Amino acid sequence: MIVGAGPVGLMLACELRSAGVHPLVLERQPRIRDVPRANGLSGQILELLRCRGLLDRFEAASAGPVHPAPRFPFGEVHLDFSGLDDPPLRGLSLPQPRLERLLEERALELGADIRRGREVVGIDQDTDGVIARVHGPGGEHLVGARYLVGCDGARSGVRDRAGIPFPGTTYPEVNRLGQVATPDGVTVLEDGFLDVPGLGRIRPSFVRTDRGVFGIGAISAEMLLVSTTEPEYLEDEDTPMSLAELGDSIRRVLGFDVPLGAPIRLSRYRSEARQAERYRDGRIMLAGDAAHLFPATGVGLNAGMLDAVNLAWKLSAAVRGRGPADLLDTYHDERHFAGARTMLHTQAQVALRRGQDSAARALRTVFLELFTDEQPLRRVGALISGTDLRYPTACSDRHPLIGAFAPNLVLRTGQGATSVADLMRPARPVLLDLADRQDLRDVAAAWADRVDIRIATTERRPADALLIRPDVHIAWAAPVDEPGDVAVDTLREALGRWFGAPRTAVAEFATP
């Protein structure tokens, strides 16, 4: 049972169906909301979608193909990637309502059961499963499942009812964010700058005054993103924000008006940095904003949808009795670690944004100087996108790829050219033999009901063989020309660690 049909819950439903498990998705909203709470996708999730064969479909529904991000706001410091041949951060312009419709279409194609207008109002679990009390069009009823995943957002009822602590910080500053139509007379130039009557040529940037911070940038030629941050200036927290309120805030911060077009999305919020103490409590799991809130924009969808991908194959193995007993525990271990990495750079952005004294200004100046050099720019870009993530494992020192997302190698096989992304479309584990190692294939044969065995060659192979998990992370790798006895033993151990007992052992256990 999945509670919440946002991008995270729908992604989880797609992944579970691909693995042969039947999820029930319960969503309290009667329909997908038209408000674009996010403007697109960026980071590692784009490569994951490529590996599922979905990226072309998402690009066709977007404003254009995946594109390098020329700039990214990091606190009050804009990272400028425009001078790099291959920027480390890429994005896809896709408003959240359209993203949710695409994911829902895919989940329904795969056979997921999505029921809207259903609110979970109570949860009980025992050693056998979870019972949810659900309020819907026909009144209140009980729904049972083996497991329940809360993908129900920042104010997660699942998290609260499971008693999972959500420690962290709420920052006092008030942020106002507006997506507005580009007003008449304002022109978005090819380099991203804005030509504003009375103000001239404006660089997409943040402007700090002694009354707060103003930010502006173009999402497209037709749409601007405008923001303000003020220290605790809030008249009525319960009243929905208006365009007039945003204009008043800009005037207080800058001392003059900035033209604004018709509002598309308006929001007022205080930044929060929170992470659930545990992502799993027995048969209840958390994913997405229910598990973590980051005090910077542009990273939540990437982190949450990757939570879903990590959890799905482990949950399906548990449901089908195919995985080791502690496999689900690795969901918390790995994704809490990933969440902490994202928290690291988003809280660093808070530090860059909040300070107003000379020391804070000096810190921002130092960062700006560092980011004129390619290596620190690439490193921070990889941190933001999540491409630098490497899950820690007991055998990480065997090979630098273990724990990392698999590189999309171009492969040659007996059937023609292919790639790692193509091999991962079925969302099944793959043993990729790059050095014609029969000894390794013989070991993996005992897991052939769960692991696909593929033989290929590639230029400058990074390893003799790679064991790739369904979430496209590498579980094991054999260094080039590693002796057979070492590689065989470590491969057997990795197969058992991630995919359970070999087929022969399962058959012997099942014999009366």
Protein backbone atom coordinates (compact mmCIF):
# COMPACT_ATOMS: atom_id res chain seq x y z
CA MET A 1 0.00 0.00 0.00
CA ILE A 2 1.36 3.40 -1.07
CA VAL A 3 -0.07 6.49 0.63
CA GLY A 4 0.30 9.48 -1.67
CA ALA A 5 0.11 9.77 -5.47
CA GLY A 6 2.66 12.51 -6.00
CA PRO A 7 5.78 11.88 -8.12
CA VAL A 8 7.40 9.71 -5.40
CA GLY A 9 4.39 7.48 -4.80
CA LEU A 10 3.70 7.08 -8.52
CA MET A 11 7.36 6.31 -9.26
CA LEU A 12 7.26 3.66 -6.54
CA ALA A 13 4.11 2.17 -8.07
CA CYS A 14 5.78 1.97 -11.50
CA GLU A 15 8.87 0.29 -10.10
CA LEU A 16 6.90 -2.21 -8.02
CA ARG A 17 4.76 -3.21 -11.00
CA SER A 18 7.90 -3.66 -13.10
CA ALA A 19 9.11 -6.07 -10.41
CA GLY A 20 5.84 -8.04 -10.46
CA VAL A 21 4.31 -6.68 -7.24
CA HIS A 22 0.77 -5.25 -7.13
CA PRO A 23 0.63 -1.90 -5.27
CA LEU A 24 -2.50 -0.10 -4.13
CA VAL A 25 -2.03 3.69 -4.24
CA LEU A 26 -4.28 5.82 -1.99
CA GLU A 27 -4.42 9.58 -2.56
CA ARG A 28 -6.61 12.00 -0.60
CA GLN A 29 -6.82 14.57 -3.43
CA PRO A 30 -9.62 13.73 -5.90
CA ARG A 31 -7.50 14.70 -8.90
CA ILE A 32 -4.02 15.85 -9.87
CA ARG A 33 -3.62 19.49 -8.86
CA ASP A 34 -2.82 21.98 -11.63
CA VAL A 35 -0.51 24.11 -9.46
CA PRO A 36 3.10 23.53 -10.64
CA ARG A 37 4.82 23.03 -7.29
CA ALA A 38 7.99 22.08 -9.16
CA ASN A 39 9.12 23.10 -12.65
CA GLY A 40 11.03 20.04 -13.75
CA LEU A 41 13.52 17.31 -13.01
CA SER A 42 17.27 17.50 -12.58
CA GLY A 43 20.07 15.30 -11.36
CA GLN A 44 20.55 11.55 -11.29
CA ILE A 45 16.85 10.69 -11.69
CA LEU A 46 17.15 11.65 -15.37
CA GLU A 47 19.70 8.89 -15.96
CA LEU A 48 17.50 6.45 -14.05
CA LEU A 49 14.59 7.32 -16.36
CA ARG A 50 16.88 6.67 -19.32
CA CYS A 51 17.64 3.25 -17.86
CA ARG A 52 13.90 2.50 -17.71
CA GLY A 53 13.35 3.59 -21.32
CA LEU A 54 11.13 6.47 -20.18
CA LEU A 55 13.30 9.51 -20.85
CA ASP A 56 12.22 9.93 -24.50
CA ARG A 57 8.58 9.88 -23.39
CA PHE A 58 9.22 12.52 -20.72
CA GLU A 59 11.20 14.69 -23.13
CA ALA A 60 8.36 14.55 -25.68
CA ALA A 61 5.99 15.95 -23.04
CA SER A 62 8.38 18.67 -21.88
CA ALA A 63 9.40 22.04 -23.25
CA GLY A 64 12.46 20.40 -24.84
CA PRO A 65 15.07 17.69 -24.34
CA VAL A 66 17.30 17.24 -21.32
CA HIS A 67 19.62 20.22 -21.32
CA PRO A 68 22.72 21.32 -19.44
CA ALA A 69 21.97 23.79 -16.66
CA PRO A 70 24.02 26.89 -17.49
CA ARG A 71 23.51 28.31 -13.98
CA PHE A 72 22.24 27.14 -10.63
CA PRO A 73 21.45 29.25 -7.55
CA PHE A 74 23.52 27.99 -4.62
CA GLY A 75 22.46 30.00 -1.61
CA GLU A 76 23.16 33.52 -2.77
CA VAL A 77 25.94 32.39 -5.07
CA HIS A 78 25.07 31.54 -8.67
CA LEU A 79 27.07 28.63 -10.04
CA ASP A 80 27.98 29.35 -13.67
CA PHE A 81 28.42 26.13 -15.67
CA SER A 82 28.13 27.84 -19.05
CA GLY A 83 31.88 27.67 -19.71
CA LEU A 84 32.05 23.88 -19.31
CA ASP A 85 31.80 21.54 -22.31
CA ASP A 86 29.89 18.94 -20.27
CA PRO A 87 28.19 20.62 -17.28
CA PRO A 88 27.67 18.30 -14.27
CA LEU A 89 24.04 19.35 -13.79
CA ARG A 90 21.29 18.70 -16.34
CA GLY A 91 17.60 19.44 -16.25
CA LEU A 92 14.28 18.73 -17.93
CA SER A 93 11.59 21.43 -17.98
CA LEU A 94 8.45 19.56 -16.92
CA PRO A 95 5.85 21.16 -14.61
CA GLN A 96 4.86 18.84 -11.77
CA PRO A 97 1.23 18.30 -12.89
CA ARG A 98 2.49 17.04 -16.27
CA LEU A 99 5.10 14.88 -14.54
CA GLU A 100 2.43 13.33 -12.32
CA ARG A 101 0.19 12.60 -15.31
CA LEU A 102 3.04 10.87 -17.13
CA LEU A 103 3.87 8.74 -14.10
CA GLU A 104 0.21 7.91 -13.51
CA GLU A 105 -0.23 6.88 -17.14
CA ARG A 106 2.80 4.61 -16.87
CA ALA A 107 1.68 3.11 -13.55
CA LEU A 108 -1.79 2.36 -14.97
CA GLU A 109 -0.28 0.82 -18.10
CA LEU A 110 1.67 -1.53 -15.84
CA GLY A 111 -1.47 -2.42 -13.86
CA ALA A 112 -1.19 -0.37 -10.67
CA ASP A 113 -4.37 0.30 -8.69
CA ILE A 114 -4.67 4.06 -8.01
CA ARG A 115 -7.62 5.28 -5.94
CA ARG A 116 -8.10 9.02 -5.46
CA GLY A 117 -10.26 10.74 -2.89
CA ARG A 118 -9.08 8.30 -0.20
CA GLU A 119 -7.52 9.63 2.99
CA VAL A 120 -5.69 7.35 5.42
CA VAL A 121 -6.85 8.35 8.91
CA GLY A 122 -5.38 5.50 10.98
CA ILE A 123 -2.66 2.84 10.81
CA ASP A 124 -1.97 -0.33 12.79
CA GLN A 125 0.77 -2.84 12.12
CA ASP A 126 1.80 -6.22 13.48
CA THR A 127 4.30 -8.89 12.42
CA ASP A 128 2.10 -9.99 9.49
CA GLY A 129 1.08 -6.71 7.89
CA VAL A 130 -0.48 -3.25 8.11
CA ILE A 131 -4.13 -2.25 8.44
CA ALA A 132 -5.06 1.26 7.31
CA ARG A 133 -8.30 3.02 8.19
CA VAL A 134 -9.33 4.84 5.02
CA HIS A 135 -11.96 7.55 4.57
CA GLY A 136 -13.37 7.66 1.05
CA PRO A 137 -16.50 8.38 -0.99
CA GLY A 138 -18.32 5.41 0.57
CA GLY A 139 -17.41 6.27 4.13
CA GLU A 140 -14.74 4.69 6.28
CA HIS A 141 -13.32 1.20 5.70
CA LEU A 142 -10.23 -0.91 6.47
CA VAL A 143 -7.54 -1.86 3.95
CA GLY A 144 -4.83 -4.41 4.64
CA ALA A 145 -1.42 -4.93 3.02
CA ARG A 146 1.87 -6.67 3.71
CA TYR A 147 3.70 -3.33 3.77
CA LEU A 148 2.82 0.39 3.72
CA VAL A 149 4.92 3.23 2.32
CA GLY A 150 4.23 6.85 3.28
CA CYS A 151 4.81 9.10 0.26
CA ASP A 152 2.43 11.68 1.65
CA GLY A 153 4.64 14.73 1.82
CA ALA A 154 6.13 17.08 4.38
CA ARG A 155 3.19 16.90 6.79
CA SER A 156 3.07 13.10 6.51
CA GLY A 157 0.22 11.50 8.44
CA VAL A 158 1.90 8.13 7.98
CA ARG A 159 5.08 9.37 9.67
CA ASP A 160 3.13 10.89 12.55
CA ARG A 161 0.92 7.84 13.10
CA ALA A 162 3.93 5.53 13.00
CA GLY A 163 5.58 7.67 15.71
CA ILE A 164 8.74 8.30 13.67
CA PRO A 165 10.59 11.41 14.93
CA PHE A 166 11.28 14.15 12.36
CA PRO A 167 13.95 16.30 13.99
CA GLY A 168 15.45 19.39 12.44
CA THR A 169 15.28 23.15 12.13
CA THR A 170 12.73 25.67 10.87
CA TYR A 171 14.50 28.88 9.89
CA PRO A 172 12.76 32.14 10.88
CA GLU A 173 13.12 34.00 7.57
CA VAL A 174 10.03 34.25 5.37
CA ASN A 175 10.52 33.26 1.73
CA ARG A 176 8.11 34.33 -0.98
CA LEU A 177 8.26 32.65 -4.37
CA GLY A 178 6.39 33.57 -7.51
CA GLN A 179 6.22 32.01 -10.93
CA VAL A 180 4.77 34.77 -13.08
CA ALA A 181 4.18 35.38 -16.74
CA THR A 182 6.86 37.55 -18.31
CA PRO A 183 5.24 41.00 -18.20
CA ASP A 184 4.77 43.18 -21.27
CA GLY A 185 7.91 45.07 -22.13
CA VAL A 186 10.27 42.64 -20.37
CA THR A 187 12.43 40.53 -22.71
CA VAL A 188 14.31 37.35 -21.85
CA LEU A 189 17.56 37.52 -23.81
CA GLU A 190 19.36 34.52 -25.32
CA ASP A 191 22.02 34.52 -22.59
CA GLY A 192 19.34 34.38 -19.84
CA PHE A 193 19.62 38.06 -18.91
CA LEU A 194 16.47 40.16 -18.66
CA ASP A 195 15.84 43.49 -20.37
CA VAL A 196 13.53 45.40 -18.00
CA PRO A 197 12.16 48.88 -18.84
CA GLY A 198 13.58 51.45 -16.47
CA LEU A 199 16.12 49.00 -15.02
CA GLY A 200 18.04 47.94 -18.11
CA ARG A 201 19.84 44.62 -18.56
CA ILE A 202 19.51 42.45 -15.44
CA ARG A 203 21.58 39.35 -14.74
CA PRO A 204 19.71 36.38 -13.20
CA SER A 205 20.94 36.71 -9.64
CA PHE A 206 20.25 37.54 -6.02
CA VAL A 207 20.40 41.08 -4.71
CA ARG A 208 20.95 41.62 -0.99
CA THR A 209 19.95 44.81 0.79
CA ASP A 210 19.79 45.60 4.49
CA ARG A 211 16.08 44.67 4.32
CA GLY A 212 16.37 41.22 2.74
CA VAL A 213 17.18 39.35 -0.46
CA PHE A 214 15.60 39.59 -3.93
CA GLY A 215 16.09 36.99 -6.65
CA ILE A 216 15.02 36.85 -10.28
CA GLY A 217 15.58 34.53 -13.25
CA ALA A 218 13.83 33.20 -16.35
CA ILE A 219 12.31 29.71 -16.49
CA SER A 220 11.48 30.32 -20.15
CA ALA A 221 10.84 33.27 -22.44
CA GLU A 222 7.27 33.31 -21.15
CA MET A 223 7.84 32.72 -17.45
CA LEU A 224 9.91 34.32 -14.67
CA LEU A 225 10.83 33.05 -11.23
CA VAL A 226 10.89 35.83 -8.65
CA SER A 227 11.66 35.48 -4.95
CA THR A 228 12.22 37.45 -1.78
CA THR A 229 13.56 36.58 1.64
CA GLU A 230 12.79 38.80 4.60
CA PRO A 231 13.69 38.41 8.29
CA GLU A 232 10.47 37.31 9.98
CA TYR A 233 8.20 39.81 8.18
CA LEU A 234 4.81 38.07 8.14
CA GLU A 235 1.43 39.71 8.62
CA ASP A 236 -0.96 36.76 8.32
CA GLU A 237 0.50 33.29 7.93
CA ASP A 238 -2.87 31.66 7.22
CA THR A 239 -3.93 33.89 4.31
CA PRO A 240 -2.94 32.59 0.84
CA MET A 241 -0.25 34.69 -0.76
CA SER A 242 -1.25 37.17 -3.45
CA LEU A 243 0.63 38.88 -6.26
CA ALA A 244 0.19 42.17 -4.38
CA GLU A 245 1.91 40.65 -1.32
CA LEU A 246 4.86 39.56 -3.47
CA GLY A 247 5.06 43.04 -5.00
CA ASP A 248 4.96 44.67 -1.55
CA SER A 249 7.77 42.39 -0.38
CA ILE A 250 9.91 43.28 -3.42
CA ARG A 251 9.35 46.96 -2.72
CA ARG A 252 10.38 46.58 0.93
CA VAL A 253 13.56 44.70 -0.02
CA LEU A 254 14.64 46.78 -3.03
CA GLY A 255 12.99 50.13 -2.37
CA PHE A 256 11.33 50.16 -5.81
CA ASP A 257 8.87 48.12 -7.87
CA VAL A 258 9.70 45.35 -10.36
CA PRO A 259 7.10 44.58 -13.07
CA LEU A 260 5.29 41.26 -12.58
CA GLY A 261 3.04 39.42 -15.01
CA ALA A 262 0.03 37.25 -14.22
CA PRO A 263 0.71 34.79 -11.38
CA ILE A 264 1.13 31.10 -12.23
CA ARG A 265 2.20 29.90 -8.82
CA LEU A 266 2.64 31.82 -5.57
CA SER A 267 3.95 30.40 -2.32
CA ARG A 268 5.13 31.60 1.04
CA TYR A 269 7.23 29.37 3.28
CA ARG A 270 9.91 29.10 5.90
CA SER A 271 12.86 26.87 5.01
CA GLU A 272 13.12 23.62 6.95
CA ALA A 273 15.96 21.14 7.35
CA ARG A 274 14.49 17.86 8.64
CA GLN A 275 15.23 14.18 8.26
CA ALA A 276 13.30 11.27 9.73
CA GLU A 277 15.25 9.34 12.34
CA ARG A 278 14.41 6.13 10.53
CA TYR A 279 13.00 5.48 7.07
CA ARG A 280 11.66 2.09 8.17
CA ASP A 281 9.59 1.12 11.18
CA GLY A 282 8.69 -2.55 10.91
CA ARG A 283 6.37 -2.84 7.92
CA ILE A 284 6.04 0.92 7.44
CA MET A 285 8.46 2.89 5.25
CA LEU A 286 8.84 6.58 4.37
CA ALA A 287 9.98 8.12 1.08
CA GLY A 288 10.29 11.60 -0.39
CA ASP A 289 9.30 14.65 1.63
CA ALA A 290 7.79 12.37 4.29
CA ALA A 291 11.38 11.28 5.01
CA HIS A 292 13.29 14.52 4.43
CA LEU A 293 12.86 18.27 3.93
CA PHE A 294 15.73 20.25 2.46
CA PRO A 295 16.16 24.01 2.99
CA ALA A 296 16.87 24.70 -0.70
CA THR A 297 14.86 24.22 -3.86
CA GLY A 298 15.55 22.11 -6.94
CA VAL A 299 16.65 18.87 -5.25
CA GLY A 300 13.61 17.36 -3.51
CA LEU A 301 12.13 15.52 -6.51
CA ASN A 302 15.49 14.00 -7.46
CA ALA A 303 16.03 12.71 -3.91
CA GLY A 304 12.46 11.49 -3.41
CA MET A 305 12.09 9.62 -6.69
CA LEU A 306 15.46 7.95 -6.11
CA ASP A 307 14.18 6.88 -2.67
CA ALA A 308 11.35 5.12 -4.50
CA VAL A 309 13.67 3.34 -6.93
CA ASN A 310 15.96 2.14 -4.13
CA LEU A 311 13.03 0.86 -2.09
CA ALA A 312 11.00 -0.80 -4.84
CA TRP A 313 13.29 -3.70 -5.73
CA LYS A 314 14.01 -4.44 -2.08
CA LEU A 315 10.32 -4.33 -1.18
CA SER A 316 9.41 -6.60 -4.09
CA ALA A 317 12.06 -9.10 -3.02
CA ALA A 318 10.61 -9.09 0.51
CA VAL A 319 7.04 -9.56 -0.76
CA ARG A 320 8.07 -12.44 -3.02
CA GLY A 321 10.37 -14.08 -0.48
CA ARG A 322 13.40 -13.67 -2.74
CA GLY A 323 15.75 -11.53 -0.68
CA PRO A 324 17.85 -11.89 2.46
CA ALA A 325 16.14 -11.15 5.76
CA ASP A 326 17.87 -7.79 6.31
CA LEU A 327 17.52 -6.44 2.75
CA LEU A 328 14.81 -3.91 3.66
CA ASP A 329 17.05 -2.49 6.39
CA THR A 330 19.48 -1.37 3.67
CA TYR A 331 16.79 1.00 2.38
CA HIS A 332 17.18 3.12 5.52
CA ASP A 333 20.96 2.71 5.57
CA GLU A 334 21.46 3.85 1.98
CA ARG A 335 18.79 6.47 1.50
CA HIS A 336 19.30 8.08 4.92
CA PHE A 337 22.95 8.39 3.93
CA ALA A 338 21.92 9.92 0.58
CA GLY A 339 19.52 12.29 2.35
CA ALA A 340 22.31 13.40 4.67
CA ARG A 341 24.48 14.21 1.63
CA THR A 342 21.71 16.35 0.16
CA MET A 343 21.16 17.98 3.55
CA LEU A 344 24.87 18.84 3.63
CA HIS A 345 24.85 21.06 0.57
CA THR A 346 21.37 22.53 1.15
CA GLN A 347 22.31 23.62 4.67
CA ALA A 348 25.53 25.06 3.28
CA GLN A 349 23.29 27.14 1.03
CA VAL A 350 21.42 28.36 4.11
CA ALA A 351 24.72 29.52 5.63
CA LEU A 352 25.59 31.42 2.46
CA ARG A 353 22.13 32.96 2.30
CA ARG A 354 21.47 33.97 5.91
CA GLY A 355 24.52 35.91 7.03
CA GLN A 356 24.41 39.68 6.73
CA ASP A 357 27.60 40.83 8.44
CA SER A 358 31.05 41.37 6.92
CA ALA A 359 32.13 37.79 7.72
CA ALA A 360 29.16 36.39 5.75
CA ARG A 361 29.95 38.68 2.82
CA ALA A 362 33.54 37.47 2.91
CA LEU A 363 32.34 33.85 2.84
CA ARG A 364 30.21 34.50 -0.25
CA THR A 365 33.13 36.24 -1.96
CA VAL A 366 35.43 33.28 -1.28
CA PHE A 367 32.85 30.86 -2.70
CA LEU A 368 32.46 32.99 -5.82
CA GLU A 369 36.23 32.92 -6.34
CA LEU A 370 36.37 29.15 -5.81
CA PHE A 371 33.64 28.61 -8.38
CA THR A 372 35.61 30.35 -11.10
CA ASP A 373 37.83 27.22 -11.09
CA GLU A 374 36.59 24.16 -12.94
CA GLN A 375 37.29 21.44 -10.37
CA PRO A 376 35.38 22.91 -7.39
CA LEU A 377 32.57 23.90 -9.78
CA ARG A 378 32.30 20.31 -11.05
CA ARG A 379 32.52 18.85 -7.56
CA VAL A 380 29.68 20.97 -6.18
CA GLY A 381 27.65 20.35 -9.34
CA ALA A 382 28.00 16.59 -8.84
CA LEU A 383 27.00 16.96 -5.19
CA ILE A 384 23.84 18.86 -6.15
CA SER A 385 22.88 16.38 -8.89
CA GLY A 386 23.65 13.34 -6.74
CA THR A 387 26.01 11.87 -9.35
CA ASP A 388 28.80 11.72 -6.77
CA LEU A 389 26.78 9.42 -4.47
CA ARG A 390 28.45 6.14 -3.55
CA TYR A 391 26.67 3.97 -1.01
CA PRO A 392 29.13 2.73 1.63
CA THR A 393 29.49 -1.06 1.73
CA ALA A 394 31.78 -3.52 3.46
CA CYS A 395 33.55 -4.25 0.15
CA SER A 396 33.84 -0.67 -1.18
CA ASP A 397 37.63 -0.87 -1.13
CA ARG A 398 37.60 -3.69 -3.70
CA HIS A 399 36.73 -1.36 -6.58
CA PRO A 400 35.91 2.37 -6.87
CA LEU A 401 32.65 1.64 -8.71
CA ILE A 402 31.10 -0.46 -5.94
CA GLY A 403 28.19 1.49 -4.45
CA ALA A 404 28.10 4.00 -7.32
CA PHE A 405 25.57 4.45 -10.15
CA ALA A 406 26.68 2.33 -13.09
CA PRO A 407 28.30 4.25 -15.96
CA ASN A 408 26.33 4.03 -19.19
CA LEU A 409 28.96 2.06 -21.10
CA VAL A 410 28.59 1.52 -24.84
CA LEU A 411 28.57 -2.25 -25.27
CA ARG A 412 29.16 -4.69 -28.11
CA THR A 413 27.39 -8.04 -27.96
CA GLY A 414 26.75 -10.97 -30.29
CA GLN A 415 23.38 -9.38 -31.07
CA GLY A 416 24.83 -5.95 -31.86
CA ALA A 417 25.47 -2.67 -30.06
CA THR A 418 23.72 -1.82 -26.81
CA SER A 419 24.40 0.02 -23.56
CA VAL A 420 24.10 -0.40 -19.80
CA ALA A 421 20.95 1.75 -19.88
CA ASP A 422 19.35 -0.64 -22.39
CA LEU A 423 20.20 -3.67 -20.24
CA MET A 424 18.52 -2.09 -17.19
CA ARG A 425 15.10 -1.46 -18.80
CA PRO A 426 13.49 -4.58 -17.23
CA ALA A 427 14.54 -3.33 -13.76
CA ARG A 428 16.26 -6.66 -13.00
CA PRO A 429 19.75 -7.33 -11.61
CA VAL A 430 22.42 -7.86 -14.26
CA LEU A 431 25.80 -9.61 -14.13
CA LEU A 432 27.67 -7.87 -16.94
CA ASP A 433 30.67 -9.96 -18.04
CA LEU A 434 33.10 -7.66 -19.88
CA ALA A 435 36.03 -10.09 -20.10
CA ASP A 436 34.44 -13.43 -21.10
CA ARG A 437 34.81 -14.86 -17.59
CA GLN A 438 33.13 -18.27 -17.70
CA ASP A 439 34.07 -18.86 -14.07
CA LEU A 440 31.98 -15.87 -13.00
CA ARG A 441 29.04 -16.83 -15.20
CA ASP A 442 29.08 -20.32 -13.69
CA VAL A 443 28.72 -18.84 -10.19
CA ALA A 444 25.86 -16.53 -11.24
CA ALA A 445 23.98 -19.41 -12.91
CA ALA A 446 22.62 -20.46 -9.50
CA TRP A 447 20.84 -17.05 -9.35
CA ALA A 448 19.70 -17.04 -12.99
CA ASP A 449 16.04 -16.91 -11.91
CA ARG A 450 16.72 -13.47 -10.39
CA VAL A 451 19.86 -12.16 -12.15
CA ASP A 452 20.27 -11.67 -15.90
CA ILE A 453 23.69 -12.72 -17.20
CA ARG A 454 25.03 -10.70 -20.12
CA ILE A 455 28.31 -10.93 -22.05
CA ALA A 456 29.69 -7.85 -23.80
CA THR A 457 32.84 -5.93 -24.59
CA THR A 458 33.55 -2.23 -24.24
CA GLU A 459 36.48 0.08 -24.83
CA ARG A 460 38.71 0.52 -21.79
CA ARG A 461 36.63 -1.75 -19.60
CA PRO A 462 36.52 -0.46 -16.00
CA ALA A 463 36.28 -3.99 -14.60
CA ASP A 464 36.20 -7.61 -15.73
CA ALA A 465 32.59 -7.87 -14.57
CA LEU A 466 29.93 -5.76 -12.85
CA LEU A 467 26.99 -6.91 -10.75
CA ILE A 468 24.37 -4.18 -11.23
CA ARG A 469 21.34 -3.92 -8.93
CA PRO A 470 17.86 -3.01 -10.28
CA ASP A 471 18.37 0.58 -9.06
CA VAL A 472 21.43 0.72 -11.38
CA HIS A 473 23.92 0.87 -8.52
CA ILE A 474 26.87 -1.50 -8.59
CA ALA A 475 26.80 -4.21 -5.94
CA TRP A 476 30.10 -5.86 -6.90
CA ALA A 477 32.92 -5.47 -9.40
CA ALA A 478 35.89 -7.62 -10.38
CA PRO A 479 39.02 -5.54 -11.01
CA VAL A 480 40.61 -6.07 -14.41
CA ASP A 481 42.46 -9.42 -14.52
CA GLU A 482 41.61 -10.29 -10.91
CA PRO A 483 42.52 -13.94 -10.12
CA GLY A 484 39.61 -16.35 -10.49
CA ASP A 485 39.55 -17.70 -6.95
CA VAL A 486 39.18 -14.22 -5.43
CA ALA A 487 36.60 -13.01 -7.94
CA VAL A 488 34.49 -16.18 -7.66
CA ASP A 489 34.32 -16.06 -3.86
CA THR A 490 33.47 -12.37 -3.65
CA LEU A 491 30.85 -12.64 -6.41
CA ARG A 492 29.12 -15.53 -4.64
CA GLU A 493 29.10 -13.50 -1.42
CA ALA A 494 27.64 -10.41 -3.18
CA LEU A 495 24.92 -12.41 -4.93
CA GLY A 496 23.81 -13.91 -1.63
CA ARG A 497 24.06 -10.58 0.16
CA TRP A 498 21.76 -8.75 -2.25
CA PHE A 499 19.62 -11.40 -3.92
CA GLY A 500 19.21 -14.18 -1.36
CA ALA A 501 20.07 -17.86 -1.37
CA PRO A 502 21.01 -19.54 -4.67
CA ARG A 503 18.37 -21.48 -6.56
CA THR A 504 19.65 -24.90 -5.47
CA ALA A 505 19.55 -23.89 -1.81
CA VAL A 506 16.00 -22.52 -2.21
CA ALA A 507 14.89 -25.79 -3.81
CA GLU A 508 16.45 -27.90 -1.01
CA PHE A 509 14.81 -25.69 1.64
CA ALA A 510 11.39 -26.10 -0.02
CA THR A 511 11.61 -29.91 -0.11
CA PRO A 512 9.34 -31.54 2.57
